Amino acid sequence: MNTVINNDSQWIQDEAEKIRSSLLNELHRIEHEVNEKFVSFKNDFNLRQPKTTERPEKKPPNRQINASRTFIPRNSILTDLFEISHIRSIRNMFAAMLLILVIQVTVNDLVEYGR
């Protein structure tokens, strides 16, 4: 009986090793194919790229600041948005929710911890 179990376990180990080696071979084959595709895509991409010659960076010419510029004070984007009633309503709801949250946490601390 013991020899039958040993033979069965040996057979299982042999089959597992065969499956393992066939899986490794398949993985190596797939890896090789993927690498070949990647190299071909890379070569194709490099061929499509325009060839540029490296030039030293040119500094912009020195320009004098034009003294005739006038700066106009403007409202910020938020100031302009808060003039719209819908946006103002959303801001007010957010402020109300924040106030409710602060009150809830304060009451909770007073009830549970007495502080």
N, C-alpha and C. Protein backbone atom coordinates (compact mmCIF):
# COMPACT_ATOMS: atom_id res chain seq x y z
N MET A 1 0.82 -1.19 0.00
CA MET A 1 0.00 0.00 0.00
C MET A 1 0.87 1.26 0.00
N ASN A 2 1.94 1.20 0.79
CA ASN A 2 2.85 2.32 0.90
C ASN A 2 3.53 2.61 -0.44
N THR A 3 3.87 1.57 -1.18
CA THR A 3 4.53 1.77 -2.47
C THR A 3 3.57 2.37 -3.48
N VAL A 4 2.27 2.03 -3.37
CA VAL A 4 1.28 2.60 -4.28
C VAL A 4 1.17 4.11 -4.03
N ILE A 5 1.16 4.50 -2.75
CA ILE A 5 1.08 5.92 -2.41
C ILE A 5 2.33 6.64 -2.88
N ASN A 6 3.50 6.04 -2.69
CA ASN A 6 4.74 6.65 -3.15
C ASN A 6 4.76 6.79 -4.66
N ASN A 7 4.27 5.74 -5.38
CA ASN A 7 4.22 5.80 -6.84
C ASN A 7 3.27 6.90 -7.30
N ASP A 8 2.09 7.01 -6.62
CA ASP A 8 1.13 8.04 -6.97
C ASP A 8 1.70 9.44 -6.71
N SER A 9 2.34 9.60 -5.57
CA SER A 9 2.89 10.92 -5.25
C SER A 9 4.03 11.27 -6.21
N GLN A 10 4.82 10.29 -6.60
CA GLN A 10 5.89 10.52 -7.56
C GLN A 10 5.31 10.90 -8.92
N TRP A 11 4.25 10.19 -9.31
CA TRP A 11 3.59 10.49 -10.59
C TRP A 11 3.02 11.93 -10.56
N ILE A 12 2.40 12.31 -9.44
CA ILE A 12 1.85 13.66 -9.31
C ILE A 12 2.95 14.70 -9.39
N GLN A 13 4.06 14.44 -8.72
CA GLN A 13 5.19 15.37 -8.77
C GLN A 13 5.74 15.49 -10.19
N ASP A 14 5.84 14.36 -10.89
CA ASP A 14 6.33 14.39 -12.26
C ASP A 14 5.39 15.19 -13.17
N GLU A 15 4.09 14.95 -13.01
CA GLU A 15 3.11 15.69 -13.82
C GLU A 15 3.15 17.18 -13.50
N ALA A 16 3.28 17.52 -12.22
CA ALA A 16 3.35 18.92 -11.83
C ALA A 16 4.60 19.57 -12.42
N GLU A 17 5.70 18.86 -12.44
CA GLU A 17 6.94 19.39 -13.01
C GLU A 17 6.79 19.59 -14.52
N LYS A 18 6.12 18.65 -15.20
CA LYS A 18 5.88 18.79 -16.65
C LYS A 18 5.03 20.03 -16.92
N ILE A 19 3.96 20.20 -16.13
CA ILE A 19 3.08 21.35 -16.31
C ILE A 19 3.85 22.64 -16.04
N ARG A 20 4.65 22.64 -14.98
CA ARG A 20 5.43 23.82 -14.62
C ARG A 20 6.40 24.19 -15.74
N SER A 21 7.11 23.19 -16.28
CA SER A 21 8.07 23.48 -17.34
C SER A 21 7.37 23.94 -18.61
N SER A 22 6.21 23.36 -18.94
CA SER A 22 5.50 23.80 -20.14
C SER A 22 4.98 25.23 -19.96
N LEU A 23 4.51 25.57 -18.75
CA LEU A 23 4.07 26.93 -18.49
C LEU A 23 5.22 27.93 -18.59
N LEU A 24 6.38 27.55 -18.03
CA LEU A 24 7.54 28.44 -18.11
C LEU A 24 7.97 28.65 -19.56
N ASN A 25 7.94 27.57 -20.36
CA ASN A 25 8.31 27.70 -21.77
C ASN A 25 7.34 28.63 -22.50
N GLU A 26 6.05 28.49 -22.20
CA GLU A 26 5.04 29.34 -22.83
C GLU A 26 5.23 30.80 -22.41
N LEU A 27 5.51 31.02 -21.13
CA LEU A 27 5.74 32.39 -20.66
C LEU A 27 6.97 33.02 -21.32
N HIS A 28 8.03 32.22 -21.48
CA HIS A 28 9.23 32.73 -22.15
C HIS A 28 8.93 33.07 -23.61
N ARG A 29 8.12 32.23 -24.27
CA ARG A 29 7.75 32.49 -25.66
C ARG A 29 6.95 33.78 -25.76
N ILE A 30 5.98 33.97 -24.85
CA ILE A 30 5.15 35.18 -24.87
C ILE A 30 6.01 36.41 -24.58
N GLU A 31 6.92 36.28 -23.61
CA GLU A 31 7.80 37.40 -23.28
C GLU A 31 8.65 37.79 -24.49
N HIS A 32 9.15 36.79 -25.20
CA HIS A 32 9.97 37.04 -26.38
C HIS A 32 9.14 37.77 -27.45
N GLU A 33 7.91 37.31 -27.68
CA GLU A 33 7.05 37.95 -28.68
C GLU A 33 6.73 39.40 -28.29
N VAL A 34 6.43 39.62 -27.02
CA VAL A 34 6.13 40.98 -26.56
C VAL A 34 7.35 41.88 -26.74
N ASN A 35 8.53 41.38 -26.40
CA ASN A 35 9.75 42.17 -26.57
C ASN A 35 9.99 42.51 -28.04
N GLU A 36 9.73 41.54 -28.93
CA GLU A 36 9.90 41.81 -30.36
C GLU A 36 8.92 42.88 -30.83
N LYS A 37 7.68 42.78 -30.38
CA LYS A 37 6.68 43.79 -30.77
C LYS A 37 7.09 45.17 -30.24
N PHE A 38 7.56 45.21 -28.99
CA PHE A 38 7.96 46.48 -28.40
C PHE A 38 9.11 47.10 -29.19
N VAL A 39 10.09 46.30 -29.55
CA VAL A 39 11.22 46.81 -30.33
C VAL A 39 10.75 47.31 -31.68
N SER A 40 9.82 46.58 -32.32
CA SER A 40 9.34 47.03 -33.63
C SER A 40 8.54 48.32 -33.50
N PHE A 41 7.71 48.44 -32.44
CA PHE A 41 6.97 49.69 -32.23
C PHE A 41 7.93 50.84 -31.95
N LYS A 42 8.96 50.57 -31.15
CA LYS A 42 9.92 51.60 -30.82
C LYS A 42 10.66 52.07 -32.06
N ASN A 43 11.07 51.12 -32.91
CA ASN A 43 11.75 51.50 -34.15
C ASN A 43 10.83 52.28 -35.07
N ASP A 44 9.56 51.85 -35.15
CA ASP A 44 8.59 52.55 -35.98
C ASP A 44 8.35 53.96 -35.45
N PHE A 45 8.25 54.09 -34.13
CA PHE A 45 8.06 55.40 -33.52
C PHE A 45 9.25 56.30 -33.79
N ASN A 46 10.46 55.75 -33.67
CA ASN A 46 11.66 56.55 -33.91
C ASN A 46 11.74 57.01 -35.36
N LEU A 47 11.27 56.17 -36.28
CA LEU A 47 11.30 56.56 -37.69
C LEU A 47 10.30 57.68 -37.97
N ARG A 48 9.19 57.70 -37.24
CA ARG A 48 8.17 58.72 -37.48
C ARG A 48 8.51 60.05 -36.85
N GLN A 49 9.40 60.06 -35.87
CA GLN A 49 9.76 61.30 -35.20
C GLN A 49 10.57 62.16 -36.15
N PRO A 50 10.26 63.46 -36.22
CA PRO A 50 11.08 64.33 -37.06
C PRO A 50 12.46 64.48 -36.44
N LYS A 51 13.43 64.44 -37.30
CA LYS A 51 14.80 64.56 -36.79
C LYS A 51 15.12 66.03 -36.61
N THR A 52 15.53 66.35 -35.41
CA THR A 52 15.88 67.74 -35.12
C THR A 52 17.34 67.81 -34.77
N THR A 53 17.94 68.87 -35.18
CA THR A 53 19.32 69.09 -34.79
C THR A 53 19.32 69.96 -33.57
N GLU A 54 20.14 69.64 -32.64
CA GLU A 54 20.18 70.40 -31.40
C GLU A 54 20.87 71.73 -31.64
N ARG A 55 20.18 72.78 -31.25
CA ARG A 55 20.73 74.12 -31.37
C ARG A 55 20.85 74.69 -29.98
N PRO A 56 21.82 75.52 -29.78
CA PRO A 56 21.90 76.16 -28.47
C PRO A 56 20.71 77.08 -28.28
N GLU A 57 20.27 77.18 -27.04
CA GLU A 57 19.11 78.02 -26.74
C GLU A 57 19.44 79.48 -27.03
N LYS A 58 18.49 80.12 -27.67
CA LYS A 58 18.65 81.54 -27.96
C LYS A 58 17.99 82.32 -26.85
N LYS A 59 18.68 83.31 -26.39
CA LYS A 59 18.11 84.18 -25.37
C LYS A 59 17.27 85.23 -26.07
N PRO A 60 16.13 85.58 -25.48
CA PRO A 60 15.34 86.64 -26.11
C PRO A 60 16.11 87.95 -26.10
N PRO A 61 15.89 88.75 -27.09
CA PRO A 61 16.63 90.03 -27.13
C PRO A 61 16.22 90.91 -25.96
N ASN A 62 17.16 91.70 -25.50
CA ASN A 62 16.87 92.62 -24.40
C ASN A 62 15.89 93.68 -24.88
N ARG A 63 14.77 93.72 -24.21
CA ARG A 63 13.78 94.72 -24.56
C ARG A 63 13.58 95.65 -23.38
N GLN A 64 13.47 96.87 -23.68
CA GLN A 64 13.22 97.82 -22.61
C GLN A 64 11.75 97.77 -22.24
N ILE A 65 11.47 97.96 -20.96
CA ILE A 65 10.10 97.93 -20.50
C ILE A 65 9.40 99.17 -21.02
N ASN A 66 8.26 98.91 -21.63
CA ASN A 66 7.50 100.01 -22.20
C ASN A 66 6.84 100.78 -21.05
N ALA A 67 7.22 102.03 -20.88
CA ALA A 67 6.71 102.83 -19.77
C ALA A 67 5.28 103.27 -19.99
N SER A 68 4.75 103.08 -21.18
CA SER A 68 3.40 103.55 -21.45
C SER A 68 2.33 102.53 -21.07
N ARG A 69 2.71 101.40 -20.51
CA ARG A 69 1.72 100.40 -20.10
C ARG A 69 0.92 100.91 -18.93
N THR A 70 -0.36 100.62 -18.99
CA THR A 70 -1.21 100.98 -17.87
C THR A 70 -1.83 99.71 -17.31
N PHE A 71 -1.87 99.62 -16.01
CA PHE A 71 -2.42 98.45 -15.35
C PHE A 71 -3.79 98.82 -14.80
N ILE A 72 -4.77 97.99 -15.17
CA ILE A 72 -6.15 98.26 -14.77
C ILE A 72 -6.51 97.30 -13.63
N PRO A 73 -6.94 97.82 -12.49
CA PRO A 73 -7.35 96.91 -11.41
C PRO A 73 -8.64 96.20 -11.80
N ARG A 74 -8.66 94.89 -11.55
CA ARG A 74 -9.83 94.09 -11.88
C ARG A 74 -10.24 93.27 -10.68
N ASN A 75 -11.48 92.80 -10.70
CA ASN A 75 -11.96 91.89 -9.67
C ASN A 75 -11.36 90.51 -9.89
N SER A 76 -11.25 89.76 -8.81
CA SER A 76 -10.79 88.39 -8.95
C SER A 76 -11.95 87.55 -9.52
N ILE A 77 -11.63 86.37 -9.95
CA ILE A 77 -12.65 85.49 -10.51
C ILE A 77 -13.71 85.16 -9.47
N LEU A 78 -13.28 84.90 -8.23
CA LEU A 78 -14.24 84.58 -7.18
C LEU A 78 -15.17 85.74 -6.89
N THR A 79 -14.66 86.96 -6.91
CA THR A 79 -15.50 88.12 -6.67
C THR A 79 -16.59 88.21 -7.74
N ASP A 80 -16.21 87.98 -8.98
CA ASP A 80 -17.20 88.01 -10.06
C ASP A 80 -18.19 86.86 -9.93
N LEU A 81 -17.71 85.68 -9.52
CA LEU A 81 -18.61 84.54 -9.38
C LEU A 81 -19.61 84.73 -8.25
N PHE A 82 -19.16 85.33 -7.14
CA PHE A 82 -20.05 85.49 -6.00
C PHE A 82 -21.14 86.53 -6.25
N GLU A 83 -21.06 87.25 -7.35
CA GLU A 83 -22.14 88.17 -7.71
C GLU A 83 -23.32 87.41 -8.31
N ILE A 84 -23.09 86.19 -8.76
CA ILE A 84 -24.16 85.36 -9.32
C ILE A 84 -24.91 84.72 -8.15
N SER A 85 -26.23 84.79 -8.20
CA SER A 85 -27.02 84.33 -7.04
C SER A 85 -26.87 82.83 -6.80
N HIS A 86 -26.74 82.03 -7.84
CA HIS A 86 -26.61 80.57 -7.66
C HIS A 86 -25.31 80.24 -6.91
N ILE A 87 -24.24 80.85 -7.30
CA ILE A 87 -22.95 80.59 -6.65
C ILE A 87 -22.99 81.10 -5.20
N ARG A 88 -23.62 82.25 -4.99
CA ARG A 88 -23.74 82.79 -3.65
C ARG A 88 -24.56 81.85 -2.77
N SER A 89 -25.60 81.23 -3.34
CA SER A 89 -26.41 80.27 -2.60
C SER A 89 -25.59 79.05 -2.20
N ILE A 90 -24.77 78.56 -3.11
CA ILE A 90 -23.92 77.40 -2.81
C ILE A 90 -22.94 77.76 -1.70
N ARG A 91 -22.37 78.95 -1.75
CA ARG A 91 -21.44 79.40 -0.71
C ARG A 91 -22.15 79.47 0.64
N ASN A 92 -23.37 80.00 0.65
CA ASN A 92 -24.12 80.11 1.90
C ASN A 92 -24.49 78.73 2.46
N MET A 93 -24.85 77.79 1.57
CA MET A 93 -25.14 76.42 2.04
C MET A 93 -23.90 75.78 2.64
N PHE A 94 -22.76 75.97 2.01
CA PHE A 94 -21.52 75.41 2.53
C PHE A 94 -21.20 76.00 3.90
N ALA A 95 -21.39 77.30 4.05
CA ALA A 95 -21.12 77.94 5.34
C ALA A 95 -22.08 77.43 6.41
N ALA A 96 -23.36 77.24 6.04
CA ALA A 96 -24.35 76.73 7.00
C ALA A 96 -24.00 75.30 7.42
N MET A 97 -23.59 74.47 6.48
CA MET A 97 -23.21 73.09 6.80
C MET A 97 -21.99 73.07 7.72
N LEU A 98 -21.04 73.95 7.47
CA LEU A 98 -19.86 74.02 8.32
C LEU A 98 -20.24 74.46 9.73
N LEU A 99 -21.13 75.42 9.84
CA LEU A 99 -21.59 75.89 11.15
C LEU A 99 -22.34 74.78 11.89
N ILE A 100 -23.19 74.05 11.19
CA ILE A 100 -23.92 72.93 11.80
C ILE A 100 -22.95 71.86 12.28
N LEU A 101 -21.92 71.56 11.51
CA LEU A 101 -20.93 70.56 11.90
C LEU A 101 -20.19 70.99 13.16
N VAL A 102 -19.81 72.26 13.25
CA VAL A 102 -19.11 72.76 14.43
C VAL A 102 -20.02 72.66 15.66
N ILE A 103 -21.29 73.04 15.50
CA ILE A 103 -22.23 72.96 16.62
C ILE A 103 -22.43 71.52 17.05
N GLN A 104 -22.54 70.60 16.09
CA GLN A 104 -22.75 69.19 16.41
C GLN A 104 -21.56 68.62 17.17
N VAL A 105 -20.35 68.92 16.74
CA VAL A 105 -19.16 68.41 17.42
C VAL A 105 -19.06 69.00 18.82
N THR A 106 -19.39 70.28 18.97
CA THR A 106 -19.34 70.93 20.28
C THR A 106 -20.35 70.30 21.24
N VAL A 107 -21.58 70.11 20.80
CA VAL A 107 -22.61 69.50 21.64
C VAL A 107 -22.23 68.07 21.98
N ASN A 108 -21.72 67.34 21.01
CA ASN A 108 -21.31 65.96 21.24
C ASN A 108 -20.21 65.90 22.31
N ASP A 109 -19.22 66.77 22.23
CA ASP A 109 -18.17 66.80 23.24
C ASP A 109 -18.71 67.16 24.61
N LEU A 110 -19.65 68.10 24.67
CA LEU A 110 -20.24 68.49 25.95
C LEU A 110 -21.03 67.34 26.57
N VAL A 111 -21.78 66.62 25.76
CA VAL A 111 -22.61 65.55 26.30
C VAL A 111 -21.75 64.35 26.70
N GLU A 112 -20.83 63.94 25.87
CA GLU A 112 -20.07 62.72 26.13
C GLU A 112 -18.93 62.94 27.14
N TYR A 113 -18.20 64.02 27.00
CA TYR A 113 -17.00 64.21 27.82
C TYR A 113 -17.16 65.31 28.85
N GLY A 114 -18.19 66.09 28.77
CA GLY A 114 -18.41 67.16 29.75
C GLY A 114 -17.45 68.31 29.60
N ARG A 115 -16.88 68.49 28.45
CA ARG A 115 -15.98 69.62 28.24
C ARG A 115 -16.28 70.31 26.95
